[in-house]
Amino acid sequence: RELGLLDAHVFAYSKREGTVAAAMKEQVDERTKSKRSAVLIGIC
């Protein structure tokens, strides 16, 4: 909101095997990621 973006590409995190993040605990569930994507797209 502060930045005032003209547009944004909003991506739900996608687990990529072979990366550090793929082995992290506290993976966010797909439903939550989908809801957050929709909220942020609405703000943009």
Full PDB file with SEQRES, HELIX, SHEET, SSBOND, CRYST1, ORIGX, SCALE, CONECT and MASTER records, all heavy atoms in Angstrom:
SEQRES   1 A   44  ARG GLU LEU GLY LEU LEU ASP ALA HIS VAL PHE ALA TYR          
SEQRES   2 A   44  SER LYS ARG GLU GLY THR VAL ALA ALA ALA MET LYS GLU          
SEQRES   3 A   44  GLN VAL ASP GLU ARG THR LYS SER LYS ARG SER ALA VAL          
SEQRES   4 A   44  LEU ILE GLY ILE CYS                                          
HELIX    1 AA1 ALA A   21  ALA A   23  5                                   3    
HELIX    2 AA2 GLU A   30  ILE A   43  1                                  14    
CRYST1    1.000    1.000    1.000  90.00  90.00  90.00 P 1           1          
ORIGX1      1.000000  0.000000  0.000000        0.00000                         
ORIGX2      0.000000  1.000000  0.000000        0.00000                         
ORIGX3      0.000000  0.000000  1.000000        0.00000                         
SCALE1      1.000000  0.000000  0.000000        0.00000                         
SCALE2      0.000000  1.000000  0.000000        0.00000                         
SCALE3      0.000000  0.000000  1.000000        0.00000                         
ATOM      1  N   ARG A   1       0.839  -1.202   0.000  1.00  0.00           N  
ATOM      2  CA  ARG A   1       0.000   0.000   0.000  1.00  0.00           C  
ATOM      3  C   ARG A   1       0.874   1.252   0.000  1.00  0.00           C  
ATOM      4  O   ARG A   1       0.604   2.226  -0.714  1.00  0.00           O  
ATOM      5  CB  ARG A   1      -0.911   0.011   1.231  1.00  0.00           C  
ATOM      6  CG  ARG A   1      -2.018  -1.027   1.223  1.00  0.00           C  
ATOM      7  CD  ARG A   1      -2.959  -0.822   2.410  1.00  0.00           C  
ATOM      8  NE  ARG A   1      -3.954  -1.896   2.510  1.00  0.00           N  
ATOM      9  CZ  ARG A   1      -3.846  -2.926   3.339  1.00  0.00           C  
ATOM     10  NH1 ARG A   1      -2.805  -3.034   4.156  1.00  0.00           N  
ATOM     11  NH2 ARG A   1      -4.779  -3.865   3.371  1.00  0.00           N  
ATOM     12  N   GLU A   2       1.935   1.246   0.808  1.00  0.00           N  
ATOM     13  CA  GLU A   2       2.829   2.404   0.905  1.00  0.00           C  
ATOM     14  C   GLU A   2       3.558   2.658  -0.411  1.00  0.00           C  
ATOM     15  O   GLU A   2       3.717   3.819  -0.820  1.00  0.00           O  
ATOM     16  CB  GLU A   2       3.863   2.177   2.015  1.00  0.00           C  
ATOM     17  CG  GLU A   2       3.305   2.193   3.416  1.00  0.00           C  
ATOM     18  CD  GLU A   2       4.377   1.839   4.434  1.00  0.00           C  
ATOM     19  OE1 GLU A   2       5.577   1.992   4.110  1.00  0.00           O  
ATOM     20  OE2 GLU A   2       4.032   1.387   5.534  1.00  0.00           O  
ATOM     21  N   LEU A   3       4.019   1.589  -1.053  1.00  0.00           N  
ATOM     22  CA  LEU A   3       4.791   1.751  -2.287  1.00  0.00           C  
ATOM     23  C   LEU A   3       3.959   2.340  -3.419  1.00  0.00           C  
ATOM     24  O   LEU A   3       4.479   3.074  -4.259  1.00  0.00           O  
ATOM     25  CB  LEU A   3       5.367   0.406  -2.747  1.00  0.00           C  
ATOM     26  CG  LEU A   3       6.602  -0.124  -2.039  1.00  0.00           C  
ATOM     27  CD1 LEU A   3       7.079  -1.397  -2.729  1.00  0.00           C  
ATOM     28  CD2 LEU A   3       7.725   0.903  -2.005  1.00  0.00           C  
ATOM     29  N   GLY A   4       2.681   2.003  -3.456  1.00  0.00           N  
ATOM     30  CA  GLY A   4       1.824   2.495  -4.532  1.00  0.00           C  
ATOM     31  C   GLY A   4       2.213   1.915  -5.879  1.00  0.00           C  
ATOM     32  O   GLY A   4       2.577   2.635  -6.810  1.00  0.00           O  
ATOM     33  N   LEU A   5       2.143   0.601  -5.998  1.00  0.00           N  
ATOM     34  CA  LEU A   5       2.519  -0.079  -7.240  1.00  0.00           C  
ATOM     35  C   LEU A   5       1.453   0.106  -8.312  1.00  0.00           C  
ATOM     36  O   LEU A   5       0.260   0.052  -8.034  1.00  0.00           O  
ATOM     37  CB  LEU A   5       2.710  -1.576  -6.984  1.00  0.00           C  
ATOM     38  CG  LEU A   5       3.795  -1.959  -5.982  1.00  0.00           C  
ATOM     39  CD1 LEU A   5       3.759  -3.467  -5.733  1.00  0.00           C  
ATOM     40  CD2 LEU A   5       5.179  -1.537  -6.473  1.00  0.00           C  
ATOM     41  N   LEU A   6       1.916   0.281  -9.535  1.00  0.00           N  
ATOM     42  CA  LEU A   6       0.988   0.349 -10.665  1.00  0.00           C  
ATOM     43  C   LEU A   6       0.411  -1.031 -10.962  1.00  0.00           C  
ATOM     44  O   LEU A   6      -0.722  -1.158 -11.420  1.00  0.00           O  
ATOM     45  CB  LEU A   6       1.703   0.902 -11.901  1.00  0.00           C  
ATOM     46  CG  LEU A   6       0.867   1.058 -13.170  1.00  0.00           C  
ATOM     47  CD1 LEU A   6      -0.268   2.059 -12.942  1.00  0.00           C  
ATOM     48  CD2 LEU A   6       1.730   1.496 -14.344  1.00  0.00           C  
ATOM     49  N   ASP A   7       1.188  -2.067 -10.685  1.00  0.00           N  
ATOM     50  CA  ASP A   7       0.727  -3.437 -10.917  1.00  0.00           C  
ATOM     51  C   ASP A   7       1.678  -4.370 -10.190  1.00  0.00           C  
ATOM     52  O   ASP A   7       2.772  -3.963  -9.763  1.00  0.00           O  
ATOM     53  CB  ASP A   7       0.703  -3.768 -12.411  1.00  0.00           C  
ATOM     54  CG  ASP A   7      -0.396  -4.769 -12.768  1.00  0.00           C  
ATOM     55  OD1 ASP A   7      -0.894  -5.451 -11.840  1.00  0.00           O  
ATOM     56  OD2 ASP A   7      -0.766  -4.859 -13.943  1.00  0.00           O  
ATOM     57  N   ALA A   8       1.282  -5.625 -10.040  1.00  0.00           N  
ATOM     58  CA  ALA A   8       2.147  -6.617  -9.408  1.00  0.00           C  
ATOM     59  C   ALA A   8       1.825  -8.003  -9.934  1.00  0.00           C  
ATOM     60  O   ALA A   8       0.676  -8.312 -10.246  1.00  0.00           O  
ATOM     61  CB  ALA A   8       1.990  -6.581  -7.890  1.00  0.00           C  
ATOM     62  N   HIS A   9       2.861  -8.814 -10.024  1.00  0.00           N  
ATOM     63  CA  HIS A   9       2.690 -10.240 -10.293  1.00  0.00           C  
ATOM     64  C   HIS A   9       2.757 -10.944  -8.937  1.00  0.00           C  
ATOM     65  O   HIS A   9       3.824 -10.990  -8.313  1.00  0.00           O  
ATOM     66  CB  HIS A   9       3.795 -10.765 -11.206  1.00  0.00           C  
ATOM     67  CG  HIS A   9       3.811 -10.127 -12.555  1.00  0.00           C  
ATOM     68  ND1 HIS A   9       4.958  -9.968 -13.297  1.00  0.00           N  
ATOM     69  CD2 HIS A   9       2.814  -9.593 -13.294  1.00  0.00           C  
ATOM     70  CE1 HIS A   9       4.667  -9.369 -14.430  1.00  0.00           C  
ATOM     71  NE2 HIS A   9       3.368  -9.139 -14.451  1.00  0.00           N  
ATOM     72  N   VAL A  10       1.640 -11.460  -8.474  1.00  0.00           N  
ATOM     73  CA  VAL A  10       1.566 -12.111  -7.172  1.00  0.00           C  
ATOM     74  C   VAL A  10       1.613 -13.617  -7.367  1.00  0.00           C  
ATOM     75  O   VAL A  10       0.798 -14.183  -8.102  1.00  0.00           O  
ATOM     76  CB  VAL A  10       0.288 -11.703  -6.419  1.00  0.00           C  
ATOM     77  CG1 VAL A  10       0.203 -12.419  -5.076  1.00  0.00           C  
ATOM     78  CG2 VAL A  10       0.257 -10.183  -6.207  1.00  0.00           C  
ATOM     79  N   PHE A  11       2.576 -14.268  -6.722  1.00  0.00           N  
ATOM     80  CA  PHE A  11       2.753 -15.707  -6.866  1.00  0.00           C  
ATOM     81  C   PHE A  11       2.579 -16.380  -5.514  1.00  0.00           C  
ATOM     82  O   PHE A  11       3.140 -15.921  -4.511  1.00  0.00           O  
ATOM     83  CB  PHE A  11       4.171 -16.044  -7.366  1.00  0.00           C  
ATOM     84  CG  PHE A  11       4.549 -15.375  -8.661  1.00  0.00           C  
ATOM     85  CD1 PHE A  11       5.157 -14.134  -8.668  1.00  0.00           C  
ATOM     86  CD2 PHE A  11       4.315 -16.002  -9.874  1.00  0.00           C  
ATOM     87  CE1 PHE A  11       5.520 -13.521  -9.854  1.00  0.00           C  
ATOM     88  CE2 PHE A  11       4.673 -15.396 -11.062  1.00  0.00           C  
ATOM     89  CZ  PHE A  11       5.275 -14.151 -11.052  1.00  0.00           C  
ATOM     90  N   ALA A  12       1.832 -17.467  -5.492  1.00  0.00           N  
ATOM     91  CA  ALA A  12       1.825 -18.316  -4.307  1.00  0.00           C  
ATOM     92  C   ALA A  12       3.119 -19.121  -4.309  1.00  0.00           C  
ATOM     93  O   ALA A  12       3.517 -19.663  -5.342  1.00  0.00           O  
ATOM     94  CB  ALA A  12       0.617 -19.251  -4.323  1.00  0.00           C  
ATOM     95  N   TYR A  13       3.806 -19.173  -3.173  1.00  0.00           N  
ATOM     96  CA  TYR A  13       5.057 -19.920  -3.089  1.00  0.00           C  
ATOM     97  C   TYR A  13       4.861 -21.346  -3.585  1.00  0.00           C  
ATOM     98  O   TYR A  13       3.920 -22.035  -3.196  1.00  0.00           O  
ATOM     99  CB  TYR A  13       5.575 -19.934  -1.643  1.00  0.00           C  
ATOM    100  CG  TYR A  13       6.694 -20.928  -1.438  1.00  0.00           C  
ATOM    101  CD1 TYR A  13       7.967 -20.677  -1.918  1.00  0.00           C  
ATOM    102  CD2 TYR A  13       6.454 -22.139  -0.798  1.00  0.00           C  
ATOM    103  CE1 TYR A  13       8.989 -21.605  -1.753  1.00  0.00           C  
ATOM    104  CE2 TYR A  13       7.462 -23.076  -0.621  1.00  0.00           C  
ATOM    105  CZ  TYR A  13       8.734 -22.805  -1.110  1.00  0.00           C  
ATOM    106  OH  TYR A  13       9.740 -23.740  -0.957  1.00  0.00           O  
ATOM    107  N   SER A  14       5.760 -21.765  -4.459  1.00  0.00           N  
ATOM    108  CA  SER A  14       5.729 -23.123  -5.005  1.00  0.00           C  
ATOM    109  C   SER A  14       6.983 -23.857  -4.552  1.00  0.00           C  
ATOM    110  O   SER A  14       8.102 -23.410  -4.814  1.00  0.00           O  
ATOM    111  CB  SER A  14       5.680 -23.070  -6.544  1.00  0.00           C  
ATOM    112  OG  SER A  14       5.737 -24.367  -7.100  1.00  0.00           O  
ATOM    113  N   LYS A  15       6.786 -24.935  -3.859  1.00  0.00           N  
ATOM    114  CA  LYS A  15       7.897 -25.717  -3.320  1.00  0.00           C  
ATOM    115  C   LYS A  15       8.750 -26.263  -4.460  1.00  0.00           C  
ATOM    116  O   LYS A  15       8.246 -26.928  -5.363  1.00  0.00           O  
ATOM    117  CB  LYS A  15       7.340 -26.857  -2.473  1.00  0.00           C  
ATOM    118  CG  LYS A  15       8.363 -27.585  -1.624  1.00  0.00           C  
ATOM    119  CD  LYS A  15       7.647 -28.582  -0.708  1.00  0.00           C  
ATOM    120  CE  LYS A  15       8.623 -29.307   0.211  1.00  0.00           C  
ATOM    121  NZ  LYS A  15       7.928 -30.253   1.099  1.00  0.00           N  
ATOM    122  N   ARG A  16      10.030 -25.954  -4.411  1.00  0.00           N  
ATOM    123  CA  ARG A  16      10.955 -26.404  -5.465  1.00  0.00           C  
ATOM    124  C   ARG A  16      12.003 -27.311  -4.842  1.00  0.00           C  
ATOM    125  O   ARG A  16      12.857 -26.862  -4.080  1.00  0.00           O  
ATOM    126  CB  ARG A  16      11.630 -25.191  -6.134  1.00  0.00           C  
ATOM    127  CG  ARG A  16      12.603 -25.563  -7.269  1.00  0.00           C  
ATOM    128  CD  ARG A  16      11.852 -26.304  -8.350  1.00  0.00           C  
ATOM    129  NE  ARG A  16      12.657 -26.662  -9.490  1.00  0.00           N  
ATOM    130  CZ  ARG A  16      13.442 -27.746  -9.587  1.00  0.00           C  
ATOM    131  NH1 ARG A  16      13.571 -28.565  -8.551  1.00  0.00           N  
ATOM    132  NH2 ARG A  16      14.077 -28.007 -10.699  1.00  0.00           N  
ATOM    133  N   GLU A  17      11.913 -28.622  -5.140  1.00  0.00           N  
ATOM    134  CA  GLU A  17      12.891 -29.567  -4.598  1.00  0.00           C  
ATOM    135  C   GLU A  17      14.298 -29.147  -5.000  1.00  0.00           C  
ATOM    136  O   GLU A  17      14.533 -28.676  -6.111  1.00  0.00           O  
ATOM    137  CB  GLU A  17      12.594 -30.983  -5.090  1.00  0.00           C  
ATOM    138  CG  GLU A  17      11.257 -31.548  -4.624  1.00  0.00           C  
ATOM    139  CD  GLU A  17      11.139 -31.597  -3.116  1.00  0.00           C  
ATOM    140  OE1 GLU A  17      12.175 -31.805  -2.430  1.00  0.00           O  
ATOM    141  OE2 GLU A  17      10.017 -31.417  -2.599  1.00  0.00           O  
ATOM    142  N   GLY A  18      15.237 -29.319  -4.076  1.00  0.00           N  
ATOM    143  CA  GLY A  18      16.612 -28.932  -4.350  1.00  0.00           C  
ATOM    144  C   GLY A  18      16.958 -27.553  -3.835  1.00  0.00           C  
ATOM    145  O   GLY A  18      18.103 -27.104  -3.980  1.00  0.00           O  
ATOM    146  N   THR A  19      15.980 -26.859  -3.230  1.00  0.00           N  
ATOM    147  CA  THR A  19      16.240 -25.539  -2.659  1.00  0.00           C  
ATOM    148  C   THR A  19      16.169 -25.604  -1.134  1.00  0.00           C  
ATOM    149  O   THR A  19      15.593 -26.529  -0.555  1.00  0.00           O  
ATOM    150  CB  THR A  19      15.217 -24.507  -3.149  1.00  0.00           C  
ATOM    151  OG1 THR A  19      13.907 -24.891  -2.686  1.00  0.00           O  
ATOM    152  CG2 THR A  19      15.210 -24.424  -4.666  1.00  0.00           C  
ATOM    153  N   VAL A  20      16.763 -24.609  -0.496  1.00  0.00           N  
ATOM    154  CA  VAL A  20      16.745 -24.536   0.969  1.00  0.00           C  
ATOM    155  C   VAL A  20      15.318 -24.456   1.494  1.00  0.00           C  
ATOM    156  O   VAL A  20      14.953 -25.109   2.477  1.00  0.00           O  
ATOM    157  CB  VAL A  20      17.562 -23.307   1.437  1.00  0.00           C  
ATOM    158  CG1 VAL A  20      17.399 -23.093   2.939  1.00  0.00           C  
ATOM    159  CG2 VAL A  20      19.038 -23.481   1.078  1.00  0.00           C  
ATOM    160  N   ALA A  21      14.488 -23.649   0.823  1.00  0.00           N  
ATOM    161  CA  ALA A  21      13.116 -23.429   1.313  1.00  0.00           C  
ATOM    162  C   ALA A  21      12.273 -24.694   1.284  1.00  0.00           C  
ATOM    163  O   ALA A  21      11.350 -24.845   2.088  1.00  0.00           O  
ATOM    164  CB  ALA A  21      12.446 -22.335   0.493  1.00  0.00           C  
ATOM    165  N   ALA A  22      12.570 -25.598   0.360  1.00  0.00           N  
ATOM    166  CA  ALA A  22      11.771 -26.829   0.258  1.00  0.00           C  
ATOM    167  C   ALA A  22      11.906 -27.695   1.500  1.00  0.00           C  
ATOM    168  O   ALA A  22      10.989 -28.453   1.835  1.00  0.00           O  
ATOM    169  CB  ALA A  22      12.200 -27.613  -0.977  1.00  0.00           C  
ATOM    170  N   ALA A  23      13.034 -27.559   2.195  1.00  0.00           N  
ATOM    171  CA  ALA A  23      13.264 -28.364   3.399  1.00  0.00           C  
ATOM    172  C   ALA A  23      12.873 -27.635   4.674  1.00  0.00           C  
ATOM    173  O   ALA A  23      12.992 -28.190   5.773  1.00  0.00           O  
ATOM    174  CB  ALA A  23      14.741 -28.757   3.471  1.00  0.00           C  
ATOM    175  N   MET A  24      12.401 -26.409   4.545  1.00  0.00           N  
ATOM    176  CA  MET A  24      12.025 -25.645   5.736  1.00  0.00           C  
ATOM    177  C   MET A  24      10.769 -26.200   6.387  1.00  0.00           C  
ATOM    178  O   MET A  24       9.876 -26.710   5.705  1.00  0.00           O  
ATOM    179  CB  MET A  24      11.780 -24.179   5.359  1.00  0.00           C  
ATOM    180  CG  MET A  24      13.028 -23.383   5.058  1.00  0.00           C  
ATOM    181  SD  MET A  24      12.609 -21.657   4.641  1.00  0.00           S  
ATOM    182  CE  MET A  24      14.248 -20.953   4.501  1.00  0.00           C  
ATOM    183  N   LYS A  25      10.712 -26.079   7.688  1.00  0.00           N  
ATOM    184  CA  LYS A  25       9.497 -26.425   8.411  1.00  0.00           C  
ATOM    185  C   LYS A  25       8.492 -25.288   8.237  1.00  0.00           C  
ATOM    186  O   LYS A  25       8.785 -24.266   7.643  1.00  0.00           O  
ATOM    187  CB  LYS A  25       9.811 -26.650   9.879  1.00  0.00           C  
ATOM    188  CG  LYS A  25      10.747 -27.830  10.129  1.00  0.00           C  
ATOM    189  CD  LYS A  25      11.049 -27.984  11.604  1.00  0.00           C  
ATOM    190  CE  LYS A  25      12.007 -29.158  11.836  1.00  0.00           C  
ATOM    191  NZ  LYS A  25      12.348 -29.311  13.281  1.00  0.00           N  
ATOM    192  N   GLU A  26       7.304 -25.471   8.751  1.00  0.00           N  
ATOM    193  CA  GLU A  26       6.243 -24.448   8.694  1.00  0.00           C  
ATOM    194  C   GLU A  26       5.871 -24.100   7.260  1.00  0.00           C  
ATOM    195  O   GLU A  26       5.692 -22.926   6.921  1.00  0.00           O  
ATOM    196  CB  GLU A  26       6.659 -23.179   9.440  1.00  0.00           C  
ATOM    197  CG  GLU A  26       6.949 -23.387  10.918  1.00  0.00           C  
ATOM    198  CD  GLU A  26       7.329 -22.076  11.595  1.00  0.00           C  
ATOM    199  OE1 GLU A  26       6.428 -21.216  11.771  1.00  0.00           O  
ATOM    200  OE2 GLU A  26       8.509 -21.905  11.917  1.00  0.00           O  
ATOM    201  N   GLN A  27       5.748 -25.111   6.395  1.00  0.00           N  
ATOM    202  CA  GLN A  27       5.245 -24.866   5.052  1.00  0.00           C  
ATOM    203  C   GLN A  27       3.799 -24.381   5.161  1.00  0.00           C  
ATOM    204  O   GLN A  27       3.004 -24.911   5.941  1.00  0.00           O  
ATOM    205  CB  GLN A  27       5.299 -26.149   4.218  1.00  0.00           C  
ATOM    206  CG  GLN A  27       6.712 -26.680   3.970  1.00  0.00           C  
ATOM    207  CD  GLN A  27       7.477 -25.876   2.938  1.00  0.00           C  
ATOM    208  OE1 GLN A  27       6.890 -25.334   2.011  1.00  0.00           O  
ATOM    209  NE2 GLN A  27       8.800 -25.808   3.098  1.00  0.00           N  
ATOM    210  N   VAL A  28       3.447 -23.377   4.402  1.00  0.00           N  
ATOM    211  CA  VAL A  28       2.110 -22.793   4.443  1.00  0.00           C  
ATOM    212  C   VAL A  28       1.177 -23.618   3.562  1.00  0.00           C  
ATOM    213  O   VAL A  28       1.539 -23.986   2.437  1.00  0.00           O  
ATOM    214  CB  VAL A  28       2.146 -21.329   3.968  1.00  0.00           C  
ATOM    215  CG1 VAL A  28       0.744 -20.718   3.959  1.00  0.00           C  
ATOM    216  CG2 VAL A  28       3.077 -20.511   4.870  1.00  0.00           C  
ATOM    217  N   ASP A  29      -0.011 -23.908   4.057  1.00  0.00           N  
ATOM    218  CA  ASP A  29      -0.927 -24.752   3.300  1.00  0.00           C  
ATOM    219  C   ASP A  29      -1.479 -24.024   2.072  1.00  0.00           C  
ATOM    220  O   ASP A  29      -1.503 -22.791   2.024  1.00  0.00           O  
ATOM    221  CB  ASP A  29      -2.081 -25.235   4.193  1.00  0.00           C  
ATOM    222  CG  ASP A  29      -2.964 -24.088   4.662  1.00  0.00           C  
ATOM    223  OD1 ASP A  29      -3.927 -23.757   3.954  1.00  0.00           O  
ATOM    224  OD2 ASP A  29      -2.662 -23.509   5.728  1.00  0.00           O  
ATOM    225  N   GLU A  30      -1.910 -24.797   1.088  1.00  0.00           N  
ATOM    226  CA  GLU A  30      -2.346 -24.253  -0.203  1.00  0.00           C  
ATOM    227  C   GLU A  30      -3.558 -23.331  -0.065  1.00  0.00           C  
ATOM    228  O   GLU A  30      -3.658 -22.313  -0.757  1.00  0.00           O  
ATOM    229  CB  GLU A  30      -2.673 -25.399  -1.175  1.00  0.00           C  
ATOM    230  CG  GLU A  30      -1.474 -26.241  -1.562  1.00  0.00           C  
ATOM    231  CD  GLU A  30      -0.369 -25.437  -2.222  1.00  0.00           C  
ATOM    232  OE1 GLU A  30      -0.685 -24.534  -3.024  1.00  0.00           O  
ATOM    233  OE2 GLU A  30       0.813 -25.694  -1.916  1.00  0.00           O  
ATOM    234  N   ARG A  31      -4.462 -23.673   0.828  1.00  0.00           N  
ATOM    235  CA  ARG A  31      -5.648 -22.837   0.987  1.00  0.00           C  
ATOM    236  C   ARG A  31      -5.261 -21.440   1.493  1.00  0.00           C  
ATOM    237  O   ARG A  31      -5.771 -20.422   0.991  1.00  0.00           O  
ATOM    238  CB  ARG A  31      -6.620 -23.500   1.973  1.00  0.00           C  
ATOM    239  CG  ARG A  31      -7.932 -22.738   2.134  1.00  0.00           C  
ATOM    240  CD  ARG A  31      -8.836 -23.421   3.143  1.00  0.00           C  
ATOM    241  NE  ARG A  31     -10.060 -22.651   3.348  1.00  0.00           N  
ATOM    242  CZ  ARG A  31     -10.947 -22.919   4.292  1.00  0.00           C  
ATOM    243  NH1 ARG A  31     -10.769 -23.946   5.111  1.00  0.00           N  
ATOM    244  NH2 ARG A  31     -12.038 -22.188   4.427  1.00  0.00           N  
ATOM    245  N   THR A  32      -4.355 -21.396   2.453  1.00  0.00           N  
ATOM    246  CA  THR A  32      -3.907 -20.101   2.990  1.00  0.00           C  
ATOM    247  C   THR A  32      -3.181 -19.304   1.925  1.00  0.00           C  
ATOM    248  O   THR A  32      -3.387 -18.088   1.784  1.00  0.00           O  
ATOM    249  CB  THR A  32      -2.991 -20.312   4.216  1.00  0.00           C  
ATOM    250  OG1 THR A  32      -3.725 -20.996   5.233  1.00  0.00           O  
ATOM    251  CG2 THR A  32      -2.485 -18.988   4.757  1.00  0.00           C  
ATOM    252  N   LYS A  33      -2.336 -19.969   1.150  1.00  0.00           N  
ATOM    253  CA  LYS A  33      -1.610 -19.273   0.079  1.00  0.00           C  
ATOM    254  C   LYS A  33      -2.575 -18.691  -0.938  1.00  0.00           C  
ATOM    255  O   LYS A  33      -2.398 -17.559  -1.407  1.00  0.00           O  
ATOM    256  CB  LYS A  33      -0.618 -20.238  -0.598  1.00  0.00           C  
ATOM    257  CG  LYS A  33       0.605 -20.531   0.237  1.00  0.00           C  
ATOM    258  CD  LYS A  33       1.674 -21.287  -0.535  1.00  0.00           C  
ATOM    259  CE  LYS A  33       1.354 -22.727  -0.717  1.00  0.00           C  
ATOM    260  NZ  LYS A  33       2.499 -23.495  -1.296  1.00  0.00           N  
ATOM    261  N   SER A  34      -3.610 -19.451  -1.265  1.00  0.00           N  
ATOM    262  CA  SER A  34      -4.597 -18.980  -2.228  1.00  0.00           C  
ATOM    263  C   SER A  34      -5.348 -17.764  -1.706  1.00  0.00           C  
ATOM    264  O   SER A  34      -5.571 -16.780  -2.431  1.00  0.00           O  
ATOM    265  CB  SER A  34      -5.582 -20.116  -2.551  1.00  0.00           C  
ATOM    266  OG  SER A  34      -6.555 -19.690  -3.455  1.00  0.00           O  
ATOM    267  N   LYS A  35      -5.749 -17.804  -0.431  1.00  0.00           N  
ATOM    268  CA  LYS A  35      -6.462 -16.677   0.166  1.00  0.00           C  
ATOM    269  C   LYS A  35      -5.579 -15.437   0.210  1.00  0.00           C  
ATOM    270  O   LYS A  35      -6.019 -14.329  -0.105  1.00  0.00           O  
ATOM    271  CB  LYS A  35      -6.918 -17.049   1.577  1.00  0.00           C  
ATOM    272  CG  LYS A  35      -8.083 -18.034   1.617  1.00  0.00           C  
ATOM    273  CD  LYS A  35      -8.390 -18.476   3.032  1.00  0.00           C  
ATOM    274  CE  LYS A  35      -8.866 -17.328   3.905  1.00  0.00           C  
ATOM    275  NZ  LYS A  35      -9.237 -17.805   5.276  1.00  0.00           N  
ATOM    276  N   ARG A  36      -4.326 -15.613   0.590  1.00  0.00           N  
ATOM    277  CA  ARG A  36      -3.412 -14.467   0.663  1.00  0.00           C  
ATOM    278  C   ARG A  36      -3.158 -13.878  -0.724  1.00  0.00           C  
ATOM    279  O   ARG A  36      -3.069 -12.655  -0.877  1.00  0.00           O  
ATOM    280  CB  ARG A  36      -2.093 -14.889   1.319  1.00  0.00           C  
ATOM    281  CG  ARG A  36      -2.231 -15.144   2.808  1.00  0.00           C  
ATOM    282  CD  ARG A  36      -0.927 -15.611   3.456  1.00  0.00           C  
ATOM    283  NE  ARG A  36      -1.131 -15.893   4.871  1.00  0.00           N  
ATOM    284  CZ  ARG A  36      -0.219 -16.447   5.667  1.00  0.00           C  
ATOM    285  NH1 ARG A  36       0.975 -16.779   5.164  1.00  0.00           N  
ATOM    286  NH2 ARG A  36      -0.485 -16.670   6.946  1.00  0.00           N  
ATOM    287  N   SER A  37      -3.037 -14.736  -1.725  1.00  0.00           N  
ATOM    288  CA  SER A  37      -2.856 -14.241  -3.097  1.00  0.00           C  
ATOM    289  C   SER A  37      -4.021 -13.352  -3.497  1.00  0.00           C  
ATOM    290  O   SER A  37      -3.831 -12.261  -4.041  1.00  0.00           O  
ATOM    291  CB  SER A  37      -2.742 -15.410  -4.077  1.00  0.00           C  
ATOM    292  OG  SER A  37      -1.577 -16.155  -3.857  1.00  0.00           O  
ATOM    293  N   ALA A  38      -5.241 -13.822  -3.215  1.00  0.00           N  
ATOM    294  CA  ALA A  38      -6.435 -13.056  -3.589  1.00  0.00           C  
ATOM    295  C   ALA A  38      -6.479 -11.711  -2.875  1.00  0.00           C  
ATOM    296  O   ALA A  38      -6.824 -10.678  -3.471  1.00  0.00           O  
ATOM    297  CB  ALA A  38      -7.690 -13.872  -3.283  1.00  0.00           C  
ATOM    298  N   VAL A  39      -6.124 -11.692  -1.593  1.00  0.00           N  
ATOM    299  CA  VAL A  39      -6.132 -10.445  -0.826  1.00  0.00           C  
ATOM    300  C   VAL A  39      -5.124  -9.458  -1.402  1.00  0.00           C  
ATOM    301  O   VAL A  39      -5.436  -8.274  -1.622  1.00  0.00           O  
ATOM    302  CB  VAL A  39      -5.819 -10.723   0.664  1.00  0.00           C  
ATOM    303  CG1 VAL A  39      -5.548  -9.408   1.407  1.00  0.00           C  
ATOM    304  CG2 VAL A  39      -6.966 -11.470   1.324  1.00  0.00           C  
ATOM    305  N   LEU A  40      -3.905  -9.924  -1.665  1.00  0.00           N  
ATOM    306  CA  LEU A  40      -2.867  -9.020  -2.146  1.00  0.00           C  
ATOM    307  C   LEU A  40      -3.164  -8.529  -3.565  1.00  0.00           C  
ATOM    308  O   LEU A  40      -2.930  -7.359  -3.882  1.00  0.00           O  
ATOM    309  CB  LEU A  40      -1.504  -9.712  -2.104  1.00  0.00           C  
ATOM    310  CG  LEU A  40      -0.296  -8.797  -2.331  1.00  0.00           C  
ATOM    311  CD1 LEU A  40      -0.289  -7.640  -1.342  1.00  0.00           C  
ATOM    312  CD2 LEU A  40       1.000  -9.593  -2.237  1.00  0.00           C  
ATOM    313  N   ILE A  41      -3.701  -9.402  -4.393  1.00  0.00           N  
ATOM    314  CA  ILE A  41      -4.101  -8.972  -5.743  1.00  0.00           C  
ATOM    315  C   ILE A  41      -5.164  -7.878  -5.646  1.00  0.00           C  
ATOM    316  O   ILE A  41      -5.129  -6.888  -6.392  1.00  0.00           O  
ATOM    317  CB  ILE A  41      -4.616 -10.176  -6.559  1.00  0.00           C  
ATOM    318  CG1 ILE A  41      -3.444 -11.095  -6.933  1.00  0.00           C  
ATOM    319  CG2 ILE A  41      -5.337  -9.712  -7.829  1.00  0.00           C  
ATOM    320  CD1 ILE A  41      -3.860 -12.434  -7.516  1.00  0.00           C  
ATOM    321  N   GLY A  42      -6.100  -8.024  -4.691  1.00  0.00           N  
ATOM    322  CA  GLY A  42      -7.126  -7.005  -4.498  1.00  0.00           C  
ATOM    323  C   GLY A  42      -6.533  -5.668  -4.080  1.00  0.00           C  
ATOM    324  O   GLY A  42      -6.940  -4.607  -4.573  1.00  0.00           O  
ATOM    325  N   ILE A  43      -5.551  -5.696  -3.192  1.00  0.00           N  
ATOM    326  CA  ILE A  43      -4.884  -4.461  -2.758  1.00  0.00           C  
ATOM    327  C   ILE A  43      -4.166  -3.802  -3.934  1.00  0.00           C  
ATOM    328  O   ILE A  43      -4.242  -2.578  -4.114  1.00  0.00           O  
ATOM    329  CB  ILE A  43      -3.890  -4.766  -1.616  1.00  0.00           C  
ATOM    330  CG1 ILE A  43      -4.646  -5.175  -0.353  1.00  0.00           C  
ATOM    331  CG2 ILE A  43      -2.979  -3.565  -1.345  1.00  0.00           C  
ATOM    332  CD1 ILE A  43      -3.763  -5.725   0.740  1.00  0.00           C  
ATOM    333  N   CYS A  44      -3.497  -4.607  -4.717  1.00  0.00           N  
ATOM    334  CA  CYS A  44      -2.774  -4.069  -5.884  1.00  0.00           C  
ATOM    335  C   CYS A  44      -3.737  -3.425  -6.876  1.00  0.00           C  
ATOM    336  O   CYS A  44      -3.429  -2.382  -7.474  1.00  0.00           O  
ATOM    337  CB  CYS A  44      -1.959  -5.171  -6.556  1.00  0.00           C  
ATOM    338  SG  CYS A  44      -0.557  -5.758  -5.572  1.00  0.00           S  
TER     339      CYS A  44                                                      
MASTER        0    0    0    2    0    0    0    6  338    1    0    4          
END                                                                             
